[in-house]
């Protein structure tokens, strides 16, 4: 294969994007593998030889190969770098293109009234509370400047009930951001702004499935998705999770075929595993064959502490029945209440019409400000800074756990996001410990509470600890208190 021609051809398709040599090579190879131009079992040219052939630095080739290997597209062997087995787009993709969203139009008349937020805890959060970013590090002055510019641009037309899909500037900014950072295939017309992941999940459950149909959830998994699907009258089916993410068996596909498959592939919630490439392809093929949908919640994808964010499932191939969900509550601040969903292009008009009947947008100035924050580069800089901060806070937390709780718990090896999980090795039940600790003013989340079935809870006896809000200088003291309280419960048992 002529790799120089491959790169120049891809560069023509990506005209307008400023790609470095290493990113151009990586994206060219990835695109060629996904399209079948470079087939399974192909041995790639050695890094040194390819660098000389292309006239680029060897480090650029190493970067491209390392990213492809990390994402599962290639594997190292004694013969060199070999293209791994990945599924290719086939007839099923056309079958999906020909299949409209079922039951959308006739469902609108029977929808319940618009719902407000579900509420929840307010005020200062406890030190170990998961899902809350480092609010003390948020660039308030920069955000205030974006808000001031936004309000100066608002006119009377922006104060009405328009923009049911979200302000055009934010839809454009989100589309461009996820195309570059997450390899999502989309245009601004496919982006719909929501008030957060809960709202997106509720919309998906009511638009894409009928009561009584099955929705698959990771087990353990996000209880917010369970609530949304149960509220829509769906039959929730828990699917086990292993080190490579959600792990459905052939029996699951045959006995309880899903209408919706909810996944958190970049950072499984709460265990932190990454969904393997081969399994991603298997899920795509199965949902297409059965006329189902994938709900891809890209939880914590931006907050990997080592290496770049992993590409999305949605972007693996065109014409895939994936609704991609994202939120700014974790990367910005929870009170912003802005999320988004990205739907397939051929279904965007129909879905947009339904969303227009189901919800109304508000806080347009916030949306304009967020678009400015993204387009100005401040959002990307903020994310880079927060990744460094979270890595430091996690390292401080893990070190403190090893000092004060080594005999009580085992910490997971995952190093991404804003929380860690740990197995409880002491002869205690995590829910009992959590209740007792709350009486002492220490809030920890029992891991078993994220399981959908009682018999599975025993396998996940431990805790989820948020570290984003714990400054490194306070980690040792707080973990020491947690360890002492847990140890006293173990001794008294």
Protein backbone atom coordinates (compact mmCIF):
# COMPACT_ATOMS: atom_id res chain seq x y z
CA UNK A 1 0.00 0.00 0.00
CA UNK A 2 1.13 3.55 -0.79
CA UNK A 3 0.90 5.20 2.63
CA UNK A 4 1.79 8.60 1.19
CA UNK A 5 -1.17 8.41 -1.19
CA UNK A 6 -3.36 7.21 1.68
CA UNK A 7 -2.44 10.26 3.76
CA UNK A 8 -2.85 12.75 0.92
CA UNK A 9 -6.24 11.30 0.01
CA UNK A 10 -7.45 11.52 3.60
CA UNK A 11 -6.04 15.04 3.93
CA UNK A 12 -8.19 16.10 0.95
CA UNK A 13 -11.31 14.71 2.66
CA UNK A 14 -10.35 16.44 5.91
CA UNK A 15 -9.70 19.79 4.23
CA UNK A 16 -10.14 22.64 6.67
CA UNK A 17 -8.94 20.66 9.68
CA UNK A 18 -5.49 21.50 10.99
CA UNK A 19 -3.98 18.07 11.53
CA UNK A 20 -0.44 17.42 12.68
CA UNK A 21 1.57 14.77 10.81
CA UNK A 22 1.04 12.25 13.60
CA UNK A 23 -2.72 12.87 13.74
CA UNK A 24 -3.00 12.74 9.95
CA UNK A 25 -1.23 9.38 9.85
CA UNK A 26 -3.28 7.99 12.73
CA UNK A 27 -6.63 9.10 11.26
CA UNK A 28 -5.64 7.93 7.76
CA UNK A 29 -4.79 4.44 9.00
CA UNK A 30 -7.86 4.25 11.24
CA UNK A 31 -10.12 5.31 8.38
CA UNK A 32 -8.53 2.78 6.02
CA UNK A 33 -8.91 -0.07 8.54
CA UNK A 34 -12.56 0.78 9.22
CA UNK A 35 -13.31 0.97 5.49
CA UNK A 36 -11.62 -2.33 4.78
CA UNK A 37 -8.85 -0.79 2.65
CA UNK A 38 -6.35 -2.28 5.10
CA UNK A 39 -7.63 -5.72 5.95
CA UNK A 40 -7.48 -7.94 9.01
CA UNK A 41 -4.12 -9.66 9.32
CA UNK A 42 -2.21 -7.05 7.33
CA UNK A 43 1.25 -6.34 8.71
CA UNK A 44 1.91 -2.61 8.85
CA UNK A 45 5.24 -1.20 7.70
CA UNK A 46 7.78 -0.98 10.59
CA UNK A 47 7.85 2.43 12.22
CA UNK A 48 11.38 3.36 11.17
CA UNK A 49 10.82 2.31 7.55
CA UNK A 50 7.48 4.11 7.36
CA UNK A 51 8.97 7.30 8.80
CA UNK A 52 11.68 7.25 6.12
CA UNK A 53 9.13 6.45 3.41
CA UNK A 54 6.88 9.37 4.40
CA UNK A 55 9.68 11.77 5.33
CA UNK A 56 8.29 12.36 8.83
CA UNK A 57 9.63 11.88 12.35
CA UNK A 58 9.60 8.34 13.67
CA UNK A 59 7.90 9.61 16.84
CA UNK A 60 4.91 10.58 14.67
CA UNK A 61 4.63 7.01 13.40
CA UNK A 62 5.06 5.62 16.91
CA UNK A 63 2.25 7.88 18.14
CA UNK A 64 -0.11 6.70 15.39
CA UNK A 65 0.66 3.01 15.99
CA UNK A 66 0.35 3.36 19.77
CA UNK A 67 -3.08 4.98 19.47
CA UNK A 68 -4.28 2.32 17.05
CA UNK A 69 -3.04 -0.39 19.38
CA UNK A 70 -4.64 1.25 22.41
CA UNK A 71 -7.98 1.36 20.61
CA UNK A 72 -7.70 -2.27 19.48
CA UNK A 73 -7.21 -1.68 15.74
CA UNK A 74 -3.75 -3.23 15.65
CA UNK A 75 -1.87 -5.68 17.84
CA UNK A 76 1.85 -6.21 18.39
CA UNK A 77 3.32 -9.58 17.46
CA UNK A 78 6.76 -11.01 16.85
CA UNK A 79 6.19 -10.20 13.19
CA UNK A 80 5.38 -6.54 13.87
CA UNK A 81 2.15 -4.54 14.06
CA UNK A 82 -0.79 -6.58 12.70
CA UNK A 83 -4.27 -5.25 11.91
CA UNK A 84 -6.71 -6.80 14.37
CA UNK A 85 -9.98 -8.44 13.47
CA UNK A 86 -12.68 -5.80 13.13
CA UNK A 87 -16.11 -6.09 11.56
CA UNK A 88 -16.73 -4.15 8.38
CA UNK A 89 -19.86 -2.31 7.24
CA UNK A 90 -22.12 -4.66 5.33
CA UNK A 91 -25.66 -5.12 4.23
CA UNK A 92 -26.93 -4.49 7.73
CA UNK A 93 -25.96 -0.82 7.44
CA UNK A 94 -28.32 -0.44 4.46
CA UNK A 95 -31.06 -2.22 6.41
CA UNK A 96 -30.80 0.39 9.12
CA UNK A 97 -30.89 3.24 6.61
CA UNK A 98 -34.16 1.91 5.26
CA UNK A 99 -35.71 1.53 8.70
CA UNK A 100 -37.44 4.64 10.10
CA UNK A 101 -37.87 5.43 13.77
CA UNK A 102 -40.85 3.30 14.69
CA UNK A 103 -43.90 4.59 16.51
CA UNK A 104 -42.59 8.16 16.99
CA UNK A 105 -45.37 10.19 15.44
CA UNK A 106 -48.28 8.34 17.04
CA UNK A 107 -46.60 8.49 20.46
CA UNK A 108 -46.64 12.29 20.68
CA UNK A 109 -50.34 12.58 21.48
CA UNK A 110 -50.09 10.31 24.51
CA UNK A 111 -47.06 11.93 26.13
CA UNK A 112 -47.24 13.12 29.73
CA UNK A 113 -46.72 16.82 30.55
CA UNK A 114 -43.17 18.20 30.47
CA UNK A 115 -41.30 17.19 33.57
CA UNK A 116 -38.99 19.38 35.62
CA UNK A 117 -35.77 18.30 37.26
CA UNK A 118 -35.84 15.44 39.69
CA UNK A 119 -34.16 17.48 42.36
CA UNK A 120 -31.65 15.94 44.70
CA UNK A 121 -29.11 17.03 47.25
CA UNK A 122 -28.21 20.68 47.31
CA UNK A 123 -25.58 22.75 49.03
CA UNK A 124 -21.98 21.82 49.82
CA UNK A 125 -21.03 18.30 48.81
CA UNK A 126 -19.28 15.76 51.01
CA UNK A 127 -15.55 15.14 50.34
CA UNK A 128 -15.97 11.72 48.70
CA UNK A 129 -19.14 12.49 46.74
CA UNK A 130 -18.85 11.05 43.23
CA UNK A 131 -19.80 12.93 40.09
CA UNK A 132 -18.98 16.42 41.38
CA UNK A 133 -16.08 18.18 39.65
CA UNK A 134 -13.39 20.30 41.30
CA UNK A 135 -15.52 23.41 41.53
CA UNK A 136 -12.73 25.25 43.35
CA UNK A 137 -10.67 25.07 40.14
CA UNK A 138 -13.31 26.27 37.70
CA UNK A 139 -12.24 29.41 35.74
CA UNK A 140 -15.08 31.61 36.95
CA UNK A 141 -13.63 34.84 35.50
CA UNK A 142 -13.37 33.35 32.00
CA UNK A 143 -16.89 31.97 32.20
CA UNK A 144 -18.21 35.31 33.42
CA UNK A 145 -16.62 37.01 30.40
CA UNK A 146 -18.36 34.54 28.07
CA UNK A 147 -21.67 35.15 29.83
CA UNK A 148 -21.29 38.92 29.51
CA UNK A 149 -20.58 38.61 25.78
CA UNK A 150 -23.59 36.31 25.45
CA UNK A 151 -25.98 38.74 27.07
CA UNK A 152 -24.71 41.55 24.85
CA UNK A 153 -25.61 39.43 21.81
CA UNK A 154 -29.11 38.47 23.01
CA UNK A 155 -32.04 40.25 21.41
CA UNK A 156 -35.81 40.03 21.74
CA UNK A 157 -36.03 37.04 19.39
CA UNK A 158 -33.91 34.99 21.78
CA UNK A 159 -36.36 35.51 24.64
CA UNK A 160 -39.24 33.52 23.17
CA UNK A 161 -39.95 29.78 22.88
CA UNK A 162 -37.74 29.20 19.85
CA UNK A 163 -34.69 26.99 19.44
CA UNK A 164 -36.39 23.75 20.54
CA UNK A 165 -33.25 21.88 19.40
CA UNK A 166 -30.91 24.32 21.11
CA UNK A 167 -29.24 27.55 20.07
CA UNK A 168 -27.63 27.17 16.61
CA UNK A 169 -24.25 28.43 17.83
CA UNK A 170 -24.04 25.73 20.52
CA UNK A 171 -25.22 22.98 18.16
CA UNK A 172 -22.43 23.97 15.74
CA UNK A 173 -19.83 24.15 18.51
CA UNK A 174 -20.79 20.74 19.94
CA UNK A 175 -20.78 19.11 16.49
CA UNK A 176 -17.31 20.42 15.68
CA UNK A 177 -15.94 19.50 19.10
CA UNK A 178 -17.14 15.88 19.11
CA UNK A 179 -16.08 15.37 15.48
CA UNK A 180 -12.51 16.32 16.34
CA UNK A 181 -12.19 14.97 19.88
CA UNK A 182 -14.43 11.89 19.81
CA UNK A 183 -14.52 10.87 16.11
CA UNK A 184 -18.31 11.28 16.10
CA UNK A 185 -19.88 11.41 12.63
CA UNK A 186 -22.32 14.31 12.71
CA UNK A 187 -23.38 17.75 11.59
CA UNK A 188 -25.01 20.47 13.68
CA UNK A 189 -28.45 19.36 12.43
CA UNK A 190 -28.03 16.07 14.33
CA UNK A 191 -27.27 17.78 17.66
CA UNK A 192 -30.11 18.41 20.12
CA UNK A 193 -29.40 20.35 23.29
CA UNK A 194 -31.01 19.03 26.49
CA UNK A 195 -30.93 19.89 30.16
CA UNK A 196 -28.63 16.94 30.93
CA UNK A 197 -28.20 13.19 30.62
CA UNK A 198 -31.36 12.42 32.62
CA UNK A 199 -33.46 14.39 30.15
CA UNK A 200 -31.71 12.77 27.17
CA UNK A 201 -32.34 9.30 28.58
CA UNK A 202 -35.99 10.10 29.24
CA UNK A 203 -36.39 11.32 25.64
CA UNK A 204 -34.71 8.19 24.26
CA UNK A 205 -36.88 5.88 26.35
CA UNK A 206 -40.12 7.55 25.27
CA UNK A 207 -39.25 8.13 21.62
CA UNK A 208 -37.49 4.92 20.66
CA UNK A 209 -39.35 2.19 22.54
CA UNK A 210 -42.84 1.14 23.58
CA UNK A 211 -43.84 0.11 27.11
CA UNK A 212 -43.06 -3.55 27.69
CA UNK A 213 -40.07 -3.64 25.33
CA UNK A 214 -36.67 -4.51 26.78
CA UNK A 215 -33.88 -2.10 27.63
CA UNK A 216 -30.47 -3.55 28.47
CA UNK A 217 -28.44 -1.91 31.23
CA UNK A 218 -24.92 -2.61 32.45
CA UNK A 219 -24.85 -4.43 35.79
CA UNK A 220 -23.61 -2.76 37.94
CA UNK A 221 -24.56 0.41 36.18
CA UNK A 222 -26.04 3.88 36.21
CA UNK A 223 -29.25 3.94 38.22
CA UNK A 224 -30.38 7.13 36.46
CA UNK A 225 -30.79 5.13 33.26
CA UNK A 226 -32.70 2.44 35.13
CA UNK A 227 -35.11 5.04 36.52
CA UNK A 228 -35.65 6.65 33.09
CA UNK A 229 -36.36 3.32 31.40
CA UNK A 230 -38.60 2.01 34.18
CA UNK A 231 -40.55 5.29 34.16
CA UNK A 232 -41.22 4.76 30.45
CA UNK A 233 -42.61 1.30 31.20
CA UNK A 234 -39.70 -0.63 29.72
CA UNK A 235 -38.55 -4.05 30.85
CA UNK A 236 -35.07 -3.46 32.29
CA UNK A 237 -32.67 -6.37 31.66
CA UNK A 238 -29.36 -6.28 33.62
CA UNK A 239 -26.34 -7.40 31.58
CA UNK A 240 -23.09 -8.33 33.39
CA UNK A 241 -19.92 -6.27 33.08
CA UNK A 242 -16.35 -7.54 32.97
CA UNK A 243 -12.89 -6.04 32.39
CA UNK A 244 -13.83 -5.26 28.76
CA UNK A 245 -17.19 -3.62 29.52
CA UNK A 246 -20.75 -4.86 29.02
CA UNK A 247 -20.66 -8.59 28.22
CA UNK A 248 -23.90 -9.93 26.71
CA UNK A 249 -23.95 -13.61 25.80
CA UNK A 250 -25.68 -15.22 22.83
CA UNK A 251 -28.34 -16.37 25.30
CA UNK A 252 -29.08 -12.75 26.20
CA UNK A 253 -29.55 -11.83 22.54
CA UNK A 254 -31.84 -14.82 21.96
CA UNK A 255 -33.93 -14.86 25.14
CA UNK A 256 -34.38 -11.14 25.88
CA UNK A 257 -33.72 -9.27 22.61
CA UNK A 258 -33.45 -5.56 23.40
CA UNK A 259 -35.04 -2.50 21.91
CA UNK A 260 -32.48 -0.28 23.67
CA UNK A 261 -28.91 -1.13 24.72
CA UNK A 262 -27.45 1.43 27.13
CA UNK A 263 -23.63 1.52 27.34
CA UNK A 264 -20.93 3.67 28.91
CA UNK A 265 -18.06 2.49 26.68
CA UNK A 266 -15.31 5.01 27.42
CA UNK A 267 -15.42 4.65 31.21
CA UNK A 268 -17.97 2.14 32.46
CA UNK A 269 -20.00 3.55 35.32
CA UNK A 270 -19.17 2.75 38.04
CA UNK A 271 -16.38 0.16 37.52
CA UNK A 272 -14.32 2.13 34.99
CA UNK A 273 -13.66 -0.57 32.36
CA UNK A 274 -13.32 0.35 28.67
CA UNK A 275 -15.50 -1.45 26.14
CA UNK A 276 -13.23 -3.48 23.85
CA UNK A 277 -13.27 -2.92 20.09
CA UNK A 278 -14.33 -6.46 19.18
CA UNK A 279 -17.24 -6.25 21.60
CA UNK A 280 -18.23 -2.84 20.22
CA UNK A 281 -18.52 -4.34 16.75
CA UNK A 282 -20.48 -7.32 18.07
CA UNK A 283 -23.02 -5.05 19.77
CA UNK A 284 -23.39 -2.90 16.65
CA UNK A 285 -23.98 -5.94 14.43
CA UNK A 286 -26.52 -7.44 16.82
CA UNK A 287 -28.58 -4.27 17.31
CA UNK A 288 -28.69 -3.64 13.56
CA UNK A 289 -29.81 -7.21 12.93
CA UNK A 290 -32.59 -6.89 15.50
CA UNK A 291 -33.72 -3.35 14.72
CA UNK A 292 -32.61 -2.11 18.13
CA UNK A 293 -30.83 1.05 19.32
CA UNK A 294 -27.59 1.75 21.15
CA UNK A 295 -27.71 4.57 23.69
CA UNK A 296 -24.05 5.61 24.03
CA UNK A 297 -23.51 7.62 27.21
CA UNK A 298 -19.97 8.92 26.77
CA UNK A 299 -19.45 9.24 30.51
CA UNK A 300 -16.08 10.71 31.56
CA UNK A 301 -14.63 10.27 28.06
CA UNK A 302 -12.84 13.64 28.24
CA UNK A 303 -11.18 12.84 31.58
CA UNK A 304 -8.70 10.10 30.73
CA UNK A 305 -5.55 10.72 32.75
CA UNK A 306 -3.21 9.00 30.29
CA UNK A 307 -3.44 9.14 26.52
CA UNK A 308 -6.06 10.89 24.38
CA UNK A 309 -9.80 10.25 24.71
CA UNK A 310 -10.97 7.05 23.02
CA UNK A 311 -13.10 7.29 19.85
CA UNK A 312 -16.84 6.84 20.14
CA UNK A 313 -18.88 3.77 19.22
CA UNK A 314 -21.07 6.08 17.13
CA UNK A 315 -18.17 6.94 14.85
CA UNK A 316 -17.06 3.41 14.07
CA UNK A 317 -19.15 3.21 10.91
CA UNK A 318 -21.87 5.19 9.13
CA UNK A 319 -25.56 4.37 9.31
CA UNK A 320 -25.43 2.87 12.79
CA UNK A 321 -28.46 3.09 15.14
CA UNK A 322 -26.65 4.98 17.90
CA UNK A 323 -27.89 7.94 19.92
CA UNK A 324 -24.83 9.58 21.43
CA UNK A 325 -25.25 11.38 24.77
CA UNK A 326 -22.98 13.93 26.41
CA UNK A 327 -23.14 16.44 29.24
CA UNK A 328 -21.23 19.48 30.48
CA UNK A 329 -22.16 18.89 34.13
CA UNK A 330 -18.91 17.03 34.84
CA UNK A 331 -16.50 19.02 32.68
CA UNK A 332 -17.95 22.45 33.53
CA UNK A 333 -20.24 22.57 36.60
CA UNK A 334 -23.48 20.75 37.53
CA UNK A 335 -25.61 23.89 37.87
CA UNK A 336 -25.09 24.64 34.16
CA UNK A 337 -27.65 21.89 33.32
CA UNK A 338 -26.70 21.54 29.66
CA UNK A 339 -26.30 18.23 27.86
CA UNK A 340 -26.78 17.04 24.31
CA UNK A 341 -27.85 14.09 22.21
CA UNK A 342 -26.70 13.31 18.68
CA UNK A 343 -29.05 11.25 16.50
CA UNK A 344 -28.61 9.57 13.09
CA UNK A 345 -28.75 12.07 10.20
CA UNK A 346 -31.62 10.42 8.31
CA UNK A 347 -33.80 10.47 11.42
CA UNK A 348 -32.94 13.94 12.74
CA UNK A 349 -35.98 15.71 11.16
CA UNK A 350 -38.47 13.18 12.57
CA UNK A 351 -36.83 13.07 15.99
CA UNK A 352 -36.55 16.85 15.98
CA UNK A 353 -40.28 17.18 15.39
CA UNK A 354 -41.03 14.96 18.36
CA UNK A 355 -38.57 16.75 20.62
CA UNK A 356 -40.19 20.03 19.61
CA UNK A 357 -43.48 18.72 20.98
CA UNK A 358 -41.97 17.21 24.12
CA UNK A 359 -39.69 19.94 25.44
CA UNK A 360 -38.91 23.63 25.35
CA UNK A 361 -35.48 25.24 25.57
CA UNK A 362 -34.52 27.91 28.09
CA UNK A 363 -31.41 29.71 29.36
CA UNK A 364 -30.40 30.74 25.85
CA UNK A 365 -27.70 33.09 27.18
CA UNK A 366 -26.03 30.12 28.88
CA UNK A 367 -26.04 28.21 25.60
CA UNK A 368 -24.54 31.14 23.69
CA UNK A 369 -21.90 31.56 26.40
CA UNK A 370 -21.01 27.87 26.29
CA UNK A 371 -20.65 28.03 22.51
CA UNK A 372 -18.28 30.96 22.93
CA UNK A 373 -16.36 29.10 25.64
CA UNK A 374 -15.88 26.10 23.32
CA UNK A 375 -15.10 28.01 20.13
CA UNK A 376 -12.58 30.30 21.83
CA UNK A 377 -10.49 27.31 22.95
CA UNK A 378 -11.12 27.98 26.65
CA UNK A 379 -13.03 24.72 27.06
CA UNK A 380 -10.19 22.61 25.65
CA UNK A 381 -7.64 24.41 27.84
CA UNK A 382 -9.88 23.94 30.87
CA UNK A 383 -10.12 20.20 30.17
CA UNK A 384 -6.36 19.80 29.81
CA UNK A 385 -5.83 21.54 33.12
CA UNK A 386 -8.52 19.49 34.90
CA UNK A 387 -7.02 16.21 33.66
CA UNK A 388 -3.74 17.13 35.36
CA UNK A 389 -5.53 18.18 38.54
CA UNK A 390 -7.64 15.01 38.70
CA UNK A 391 -4.63 12.82 38.11
CA UNK A 392 -2.83 14.52 41.01
CA UNK A 393 -5.87 14.18 43.27
CA UNK A 394 -6.33 10.53 42.40
CA UNK A 395 -2.67 9.77 43.10
CA UNK A 396 -2.93 11.53 46.46
CA UNK A 397 -6.10 9.60 47.32
CA UNK A 398 -4.66 6.21 46.33
CA UNK A 399 -1.46 6.86 48.31
CA UNK A 400 -3.52 7.76 51.37
CA UNK A 401 -5.66 4.62 50.97
CA UNK A 402 -2.53 2.47 50.81
CA UNK A 403 -1.24 4.10 54.00
CA UNK A 404 -4.43 3.95 56.05
CA UNK A 405 -6.67 1.23 54.57
CA UNK A 406 -4.36 -1.33 52.99
CA UNK A 407 -5.78 -4.13 55.17
CA UNK A 408 -9.40 -3.11 54.55
CA UNK A 409 -9.78 -2.51 50.81
CA UNK A 410 -8.33 -3.18 47.34
CA UNK A 411 -8.34 -0.23 44.92
CA UNK A 412 -9.23 -0.77 41.26
CA UNK A 413 -6.50 -0.20 38.69
CA UNK A 414 -8.59 2.20 36.58
CA UNK A 415 -7.09 5.68 36.42
CA UNK A 416 -9.66 7.85 34.63
CA UNK A 417 -12.56 10.11 35.46
CA UNK A 418 -13.37 11.65 38.84
CA UNK A 419 -13.88 8.62 41.07
CA UNK A 420 -12.26 5.33 41.99
CA UNK A 421 -13.76 2.05 43.11
CA UNK A 422 -12.42 -0.26 45.79
CA UNK A 423 -13.37 -3.72 47.00
CA UNK A 424 -14.14 -4.09 50.68
CA UNK A 425 -11.91 -6.87 52.02
CA UNK A 426 -13.05 -6.61 55.64
CA UNK A 427 -15.94 -8.88 56.77
CA UNK A 428 -18.51 -6.09 56.34
CA UNK A 429 -21.36 -5.23 53.98
CA UNK A 430 -20.83 -2.01 52.06
CA UNK A 431 -24.38 -0.75 52.56
CA UNK A 432 -24.12 -1.22 56.34
CA UNK A 433 -20.78 0.57 56.39
CA UNK A 434 -22.14 3.41 54.26
CA UNK A 435 -25.06 3.98 56.64
CA UNK A 436 -22.79 3.92 59.69
CA UNK A 437 -20.27 6.29 58.09
CA UNK A 438 -22.96 8.79 57.15
CA UNK A 439 -23.83 9.07 60.83
CA UNK A 440 -20.21 10.13 61.34
CA UNK A 441 -20.45 12.74 58.58
CA UNK A 442 -18.58 10.65 55.97
CA UNK A 443 -20.46 10.02 52.71
CA UNK A 444 -19.36 7.08 50.55
CA UNK A 445 -21.37 5.27 47.87
CA UNK A 446 -21.78 1.50 48.33
CA UNK A 447 -20.86 -0.27 45.11
CA UNK A 448 -23.54 -2.92 45.55
CA UNK A 449 -26.20 -0.20 45.27
CA UNK A 450 -25.41 0.07 41.55
CA UNK A 451 -26.40 -3.54 40.92
CA UNK A 452 -29.81 -4.31 39.43
CA UNK A 453 -30.26 -7.65 41.16
CA UNK A 454 -29.74 -8.68 44.76
CA UNK A 455 -27.75 -11.81 43.97
CA UNK A 456 -25.25 -9.76 41.97
CA UNK A 457 -24.69 -7.26 44.75
CA UNK A 458 -22.57 -9.70 46.74
CA UNK A 459 -20.00 -9.72 43.93
CA UNK A 460 -19.55 -5.95 44.22
CA UNK A 461 -19.06 -5.32 47.91
CA UNK A 462 -17.11 -2.07 48.04
CA UNK A 463 -17.21 1.67 47.58
CA UNK A 464 -17.13 4.36 44.94
CA UNK A 465 -15.12 7.36 46.14
CA UNK A 466 -15.07 10.68 44.35
CA UNK A 467 -11.71 12.39 44.49
CA UNK A 468 -12.31 15.42 42.25
CA UNK A 469 -13.33 17.56 45.21
CA UNK A 470 -10.54 16.39 47.54
CA UNK A 471 -7.47 18.63 47.46
CA UNK A 472 -4.19 16.65 47.72
CA UNK A 473 -3.37 18.45 50.99
CA UNK A 474 -6.56 17.11 52.58
CA UNK A 475 -6.54 13.58 51.17
CA UNK A 476 -4.43 12.00 53.90
CA UNK A 477 -6.53 13.34 56.77
CA UNK A 478 -9.86 12.49 55.16
CA UNK A 479 -8.83 8.96 54.18
CA UNK A 480 -7.36 8.41 57.66
CA UNK A 481 -10.77 9.30 59.13
CA UNK A 482 -12.49 6.98 56.66
CA UNK A 483 -10.07 4.16 57.49
CA UNK A 484 -10.42 4.60 61.24
CA UNK A 485 -14.23 4.63 61.06
CA UNK A 486 -14.31 1.53 58.83
CA UNK A 487 -11.80 -0.32 61.03
CA UNK A 488 -13.82 0.41 64.17
CA UNK A 489 -16.88 -1.12 62.50
CA UNK A 490 -14.88 -4.23 61.55
CA UNK A 491 -13.54 -4.63 65.08
CA UNK A 492 -16.98 -4.17 66.61
CA UNK A 493 -18.60 -6.72 64.35
